[in-house]
Amino acid sequence: MMLLKNTIIFLGTIFLLSSCNGTKSKSKTKENTLSSKDNYQLVWSDEFDYTGLPDSTKWIYDTEGNSEGWGNDELQHYTIAKKENAWVENGVLNITALKESVEGKEYSSARLNSKVSWLCGKIEVNAKLPNGRGTWPAIWMMPGDWSFKDGNWPNIGEIDIMEHVGHNLGVVHASAHSADYQWQIGTQQTATITISDISEKFHSYIWEWTPNIMRAYVDDQLYFEYKNEGLGESKWPYVKPFYLILNLAVGGAWGGAEGIDEACFPQSMQVDYVRIYQKKNIEGAN
C-alpha cells in the first residue's frame, strides 16, 4: 500500500469541510512540487469531483476472491456498483463496510482496481482511514496481468503503499512482497510509521518506485526504503506494470486478530484524490 521531502506549494483555493461531512482538503494541485521535482509529470488521476458511483472509465469492481475470503479468512463480501459501499460525494470517494448479511458473508464492502497499470512512478493517494476494530483498509498494487484466481502469490510481487488495522490505530505499514521477501516467512521488506490523527484528518500516502529503489512516505515523511539488490525477480519482481487497488476489508488473519467491534459499523475509508506521476520517456504506462 508516500511523499517526497520537499516544500508543498499551494496553488489555488484550499477547500475545508467539517469532518462530520466527509472532511477533505485538497492540499495540492495536480501540478505541484511532487510532479515538478525530478521531472515527474501527472499521467493519471481521479479527483472525485463528481457525484455518484466511482468513474467506470477509471475503476473496476473486484469480487473474484469473495468465496475464498481473499486467502485471508476475510469476512466481507465485495459488491458491484452498490452505492452504499462505494460512492462519490462532496469531492470524496467513500468505501464503506456495512454490517449486513450478503451472499453468506457477515459484512459488505468494496474493492476497486484501476483500469490502468504503471511501471515505476510516484503513486499518491490522499485518504482518511476508519478507526473501528476489525477494519483493514489498504492502498496497494498488483501486476497488471494478474488476478486472484491466478494464484502464484507472492512470486509475482505485491506493493503495499498503505495498510492499517483498526486494533492498532494509527500505525501505518508499507511493504514489498516477493518470492524471497514475504510475510509468511517473516522476510518481507517493510516499515511502519505512527500517525496520531489517522482517522480524523486526510493524509497523503505515497509510493516512489524506480528501477533501483522503492520509498514510502506519509505526507512529507520518508519511512520506508527498499533498494534493488540486482539478484533477480525472486527478490525484485517489480519489472512489469502494476495496477492500483483501494479496498476496505473486515476481519481476516490480520484485521481480525483482536476481534471485531460489530457496533462500530458502518466504517469508511475516504479518498480525496488519487494521482499517478511518471517521468516522461523514462517510465511508461499501459
Protein backbone atom coordinates (compact mmCIF):
# COMPACT_ATOMS: atom_id res chain seq x y z
CA MET A 1 0.00 0.00 0.00
CA MET A 2 4.13 8.03 0.29
CA LEU A 3 5.56 11.59 -0.18
CA LEU A 4 8.92 13.23 -1.04
CA LYS A 5 10.58 15.57 1.46
CA ASN A 6 10.04 18.84 -0.33
CA THR A 7 8.20 22.09 0.10
CA ILE A 8 4.48 21.83 -0.53
CA ILE A 9 3.30 24.61 -2.83
CA PHE A 10 -0.33 25.53 -2.50
CA LEU A 11 -1.89 26.55 -5.82
CA GLY A 12 -5.49 27.63 -5.91
CA THR A 13 -8.00 27.52 -3.11
CA ILE A 14 -7.79 25.09 -0.21
CA PHE A 15 -11.18 23.60 0.50
CA LEU A 16 -12.08 22.76 4.08
CA LEU A 17 -15.17 20.80 5.09
CA SER A 18 -16.11 19.57 8.54
CA SER A 19 -15.19 16.01 9.49
CA CYS A 20 -18.80 15.01 10.03
CA ASN A 21 -19.50 15.78 6.36
CA GLY A 22 -16.64 13.82 4.85
CA THR A 23 -13.89 16.35 5.54
CA LYS A 24 -11.35 16.86 2.82
CA SER A 25 -8.65 19.33 1.98
CA LYS A 26 -7.14 19.28 -1.49
CA SER A 27 -3.80 20.48 -0.22
CA LYS A 28 -2.08 20.25 -3.60
CA THR A 29 -2.99 20.89 -7.18
CA LYS A 30 -2.18 18.33 -9.85
CA GLU A 31 0.93 20.25 -10.93
CA ASN A 32 2.57 20.55 -7.53
CA THR A 33 6.15 20.14 -6.42
CA LEU A 34 5.77 16.39 -6.35
CA SER A 35 5.37 16.33 -10.13
CA SER A 36 7.91 19.02 -10.93
CA LYS A 37 10.72 17.61 -8.78
CA ASP A 38 12.88 15.15 -10.72
CA ASN A 39 10.88 15.80 -13.90
CA TYR A 40 7.76 13.89 -12.79
CA GLN A 41 4.56 14.59 -14.68
CA LEU A 42 0.97 13.72 -13.87
CA VAL A 43 -0.20 10.85 -16.11
CA TRP A 44 -3.44 9.70 -14.43
CA SER A 45 -5.73 10.91 -11.66
CA ASP A 46 -9.16 10.84 -10.12
CA GLU A 47 -10.05 14.00 -8.21
CA PHE A 48 -13.53 12.68 -7.35
CA ASP A 49 -15.03 15.98 -8.46
CA TYR A 50 -18.36 14.37 -9.32
CA THR A 51 -21.28 12.68 -7.55
CA GLY A 52 -22.25 9.05 -7.97
CA LEU A 53 -20.62 5.68 -8.41
CA PRO A 54 -16.83 5.58 -8.99
CA ASP A 55 -15.88 6.56 -12.55
CA SER A 56 -16.32 3.40 -14.64
CA THR A 57 -13.72 4.61 -17.14
CA LYS A 58 -11.10 4.50 -14.38
CA TRP A 59 -12.16 1.79 -11.92
CA ILE A 60 -13.49 -1.76 -11.90
CA TYR A 61 -15.03 -3.69 -9.00
CA ASP A 62 -13.04 -6.75 -7.94
CA THR A 63 -15.12 -9.59 -6.48
CA GLU A 64 -13.13 -12.59 -7.65
CA GLY A 65 -11.95 -13.79 -4.24
CA ASN A 66 -15.20 -13.32 -2.30
CA SER A 67 -15.96 -17.02 -1.87
CA GLU A 68 -12.41 -17.78 -0.67
CA GLY A 69 -12.22 -14.92 1.81
CA TRP A 70 -9.43 -13.50 -0.36
CA GLY A 71 -6.99 -16.01 1.08
CA ASN A 72 -7.04 -14.28 4.48
CA ASP A 73 -10.31 -15.53 6.00
CA GLU A 74 -11.83 -12.09 5.49
CA LEU A 75 -15.49 -11.64 6.43
CA GLN A 76 -16.68 -9.11 3.86
CA HIS A 77 -18.43 -9.61 0.54
CA TYR A 78 -17.25 -7.06 -2.01
CA THR A 79 -20.15 -5.71 -4.05
CA ILE A 80 -20.53 -4.30 -7.56
CA ALA A 81 -21.91 -0.80 -8.16
CA LYS A 82 -23.66 -0.66 -4.80
CA LYS A 83 -23.73 2.96 -3.68
CA GLU A 84 -23.86 2.04 0.00
CA ASN A 85 -20.37 0.51 -0.36
CA ALA A 86 -18.69 2.85 -2.88
CA TRP A 87 -19.95 6.35 -3.55
CA VAL A 88 -18.50 9.73 -4.52
CA GLU A 89 -19.93 12.88 -2.97
CA ASN A 90 -18.60 16.28 -1.86
CA GLY A 91 -15.32 15.55 -3.66
CA VAL A 92 -14.62 12.36 -1.72
CA LEU A 93 -14.78 8.66 -2.57
CA ASN A 94 -16.27 6.70 0.34
CA ILE A 95 -15.50 2.99 0.51
CA THR A 96 -17.83 1.78 3.25
CA ALA A 97 -18.06 -1.50 5.13
CA LEU A 98 -21.51 -2.37 6.46
CA LYS A 99 -22.63 -4.97 9.00
CA GLU A 100 -25.11 -6.90 6.88
CA SER A 101 -25.55 -10.42 5.57
CA VAL A 102 -24.64 -10.67 1.88
CA GLU A 103 -24.00 -13.91 -0.03
CA GLY A 104 -23.19 -15.80 3.15
CA LYS A 105 -20.85 -13.13 4.48
CA GLU A 106 -21.42 -11.01 7.60
CA TYR A 107 -20.29 -7.72 6.07
CA SER A 108 -20.34 -5.90 2.74
CA SER A 109 -17.70 -3.56 1.35
CA ALA A 110 -15.97 -2.58 -1.92
CA ARG A 111 -12.68 -3.23 -3.66
CA LEU A 112 -11.74 -1.01 -6.60
CA ASN A 113 -8.97 -1.71 -9.12
CA SER A 114 -7.61 0.89 -11.51
CA LYS A 115 -8.16 0.05 -15.17
CA VAL A 116 -4.64 1.28 -15.94
CA SER A 117 -1.32 -0.24 -14.86
CA TRP A 118 2.00 1.57 -14.47
CA LEU A 119 5.67 0.63 -14.48
CA CYS A 120 7.51 2.86 -11.98
CA GLY A 121 6.48 6.37 -10.96
CA LYS A 122 5.00 8.03 -7.89
CA ILE A 123 1.61 7.00 -6.61
CA GLU A 124 -0.15 9.46 -4.29
CA VAL A 125 -3.42 8.69 -2.53
CA ASN A 126 -4.86 11.24 -0.11
CA ALA A 127 -7.12 9.44 2.36
CA LYS A 128 -8.70 9.34 5.79
CA LEU A 129 -8.89 5.90 7.41
CA PRO A 130 -11.51 4.12 9.53
CA ASN A 131 -10.88 3.53 13.22
CA GLY A 132 -13.05 0.52 14.06
CA ARG A 133 -11.54 -2.66 15.49
CA GLY A 134 -11.71 -5.31 12.80
CA THR A 135 -11.25 -2.93 9.86
CA TRP A 136 -8.39 -3.48 7.41
CA PRO A 137 -8.13 -0.71 4.77
CA ALA A 138 -5.42 -0.93 2.14
CA ILE A 139 -3.92 1.03 -0.75
CA TRP A 140 -1.78 -1.35 -2.77
CA MET A 141 -0.72 -2.68 -6.16
CA MET A 142 -0.58 -5.97 -8.05
CA PRO A 143 0.80 -6.90 -11.51
CA GLY A 144 -1.38 -5.79 -14.40
CA ASP A 145 -1.77 -9.28 -15.86
CA TRP A 146 -2.69 -10.89 -12.50
CA SER A 147 -5.99 -11.73 -10.82
CA PHE A 148 -6.86 -13.59 -7.61
CA LYS A 149 -7.67 -16.86 -9.38
CA ASP A 150 -4.21 -16.90 -10.98
CA GLY A 151 -2.51 -17.60 -7.66
CA ASN A 152 1.31 -17.64 -7.75
CA TRP A 153 1.49 -15.21 -4.85
CA PRO A 154 3.89 -13.86 -3.68
CA ASN A 155 6.22 -14.75 -6.56
CA ILE A 156 4.51 -12.26 -8.85
CA GLY A 157 5.11 -9.40 -6.39
CA GLU A 158 2.95 -7.11 -4.27
CA ILE A 159 3.35 -3.43 -3.38
CA ASP A 160 1.63 -2.23 -0.19
CA ILE A 161 1.52 1.56 -0.17
CA MET A 162 -0.62 1.66 2.97
CA GLU A 163 -2.08 -0.99 5.25
CA HIS A 164 -3.75 -0.30 8.58
CA VAL A 165 -5.65 -2.46 11.06
CA GLY A 166 -8.17 -0.98 13.45
CA HIS A 167 -6.86 -2.76 16.55
CA ASN A 168 -3.53 -0.93 16.13
CA LEU A 169 -4.89 2.54 15.48
CA GLY A 170 -2.51 4.98 13.83
CA VAL A 171 0.20 2.51 12.83
CA VAL A 172 0.66 2.52 9.04
CA HIS A 173 2.53 -0.25 7.25
CA ALA A 174 4.35 -0.11 3.90
CA SER A 175 5.69 -3.36 2.44
CA ALA A 176 7.05 -5.05 -0.67
CA HIS A 177 6.43 -8.79 -1.09
CA SER A 178 8.17 -11.23 -3.42
CA ALA A 179 9.12 -14.91 -3.53
CA ASP A 180 12.03 -14.39 -1.15
CA TYR A 181 10.68 -11.41 0.82
CA GLN A 182 7.19 -12.08 2.16
CA TRP A 183 5.25 -12.06 5.42
CA GLN A 184 4.53 -15.79 5.64
CA ILE A 185 8.20 -16.45 6.30
CA GLY A 186 8.82 -13.15 8.05
CA THR A 187 11.19 -11.75 5.46
CA GLN A 188 9.07 -9.04 3.81
CA GLN A 189 10.60 -5.65 3.17
CA THR A 190 8.52 -3.47 5.47
CA ALA A 191 8.39 -0.50 7.83
CA THR A 192 5.83 1.37 9.94
CA ILE A 193 5.03 4.92 10.93
CA THR A 194 2.58 6.18 13.56
CA ILE A 195 0.07 8.90 12.63
CA SER A 196 -1.91 10.16 15.63
CA ASP A 197 -4.86 11.64 13.74
CA ILE A 198 -5.14 8.99 11.02
CA SER A 199 -8.93 8.69 11.27
CA GLU A 200 -9.56 12.39 11.83
CA LYS A 201 -7.62 14.03 9.01
CA PHE A 202 -6.62 13.25 5.44
CA HIS A 203 -3.02 12.25 4.84
CA SER A 204 -1.12 11.54 1.63
CA TYR A 205 0.22 8.02 1.24
CA ILE A 206 2.92 8.00 -1.42
CA TRP A 207 5.00 5.32 -3.06
CA GLU A 208 8.04 6.23 -5.14
CA TRP A 209 9.13 3.45 -7.48
CA THR A 210 12.15 3.48 -9.76
CA PRO A 211 14.07 0.55 -11.32
CA ASN A 212 16.55 0.82 -8.45
CA ILE A 213 14.62 1.75 -5.31
CA MET A 214 11.24 1.97 -3.63
CA ARG A 215 10.34 4.55 -1.00
CA ALA A 216 7.24 5.12 1.13
CA TYR A 217 6.10 8.41 2.64
CA VAL A 218 3.23 9.72 4.68
CA ASP A 219 2.85 13.37 3.79
CA ASP A 220 6.43 14.68 3.75
CA GLN A 221 7.94 11.97 5.94
CA LEU A 222 10.03 9.17 4.44
CA TYR A 223 9.80 5.97 6.50
CA PHE A 224 10.47 3.04 4.15
CA GLU A 225 13.21 2.36 1.62
CA TYR A 226 13.99 -0.81 -0.32
CA LYS A 227 16.83 -0.98 -2.83
CA ASN A 228 17.02 -3.34 -5.78
CA GLU A 229 19.84 -5.74 -4.96
CA GLY A 230 20.17 -6.88 -8.56
CA LEU A 231 19.61 -10.52 -7.55
CA GLY A 232 16.69 -11.33 -9.84
CA GLU A 233 12.90 -11.44 -9.81
CA SER A 234 12.66 -13.64 -6.71
CA LYS A 235 13.66 -10.53 -4.79
CA TRP A 236 12.66 -7.77 -7.23
CA PRO A 237 9.67 -8.78 -9.39
CA TYR A 238 8.81 -5.12 -9.98
CA VAL A 239 9.81 -5.16 -13.63
CA LYS A 240 6.30 -5.00 -15.07
CA PRO A 241 3.30 -2.65 -14.76
CA PHE A 242 1.14 -2.85 -11.62
CA TYR A 243 -2.44 -1.63 -11.11
CA LEU A 244 -3.75 0.19 -8.03
CA ILE A 245 -6.21 -1.29 -5.52
CA LEU A 246 -8.34 0.56 -2.96
CA ASN A 247 -10.27 -1.64 -0.55
CA LEU A 248 -11.67 -1.93 2.95
CA ALA A 249 -11.62 -5.46 4.34
CA VAL A 250 -13.23 -6.69 7.56
CA GLY A 251 -11.62 -9.26 9.83
CA GLY A 252 -9.18 -11.70 8.34
CA ALA A 253 -5.98 -13.18 9.71
CA TRP A 254 -4.59 -9.74 10.49
CA GLY A 255 -7.56 -7.38 10.52
CA GLY A 256 -9.50 -9.61 12.90
CA ALA A 257 -6.56 -10.71 15.05
CA GLU A 258 -8.05 -8.97 18.10
CA GLY A 259 -11.69 -9.46 17.24
CA ILE A 260 -14.25 -7.21 15.58
CA ASP A 261 -16.28 -4.44 17.17
CA GLU A 262 -19.60 -5.09 15.45
CA ALA A 263 -21.13 -1.97 16.98
CA CYS A 264 -18.66 0.34 15.23
CA PHE A 265 -20.05 -0.22 11.73
CA PRO A 266 -20.53 1.32 9.25
CA GLN A 267 -16.88 2.25 8.76
CA SER A 268 -15.39 4.09 5.77
CA MET A 269 -12.10 4.80 4.08
CA GLN A 270 -12.44 8.20 2.44
CA VAL A 271 -10.26 9.15 -0.52
CA ASP A 272 -9.79 12.78 -1.53
CA TYR A 273 -7.78 12.10 -4.68
CA VAL A 274 -5.56 9.60 -6.49
CA ARG A 275 -2.65 10.88 -8.61
CA ILE A 276 -0.04 8.99 -10.60
CA TYR A 277 3.17 10.67 -11.74
CA GLN A 278 5.86 9.37 -14.09
CA LYS A 279 8.99 10.60 -15.82
CA LYS A 280 8.37 11.32 -19.47
CA ASN A 281 10.20 8.96 -21.85
CA ILE A 282 11.69 7.09 -18.91
CA GLU A 283 8.82 5.36 -17.11
CA GLY A 284 5.88 4.09 -19.12
CA ALA A 285 2.23 3.33 -18.53
CA ASN A 286 -0.02 0.88 -20.31
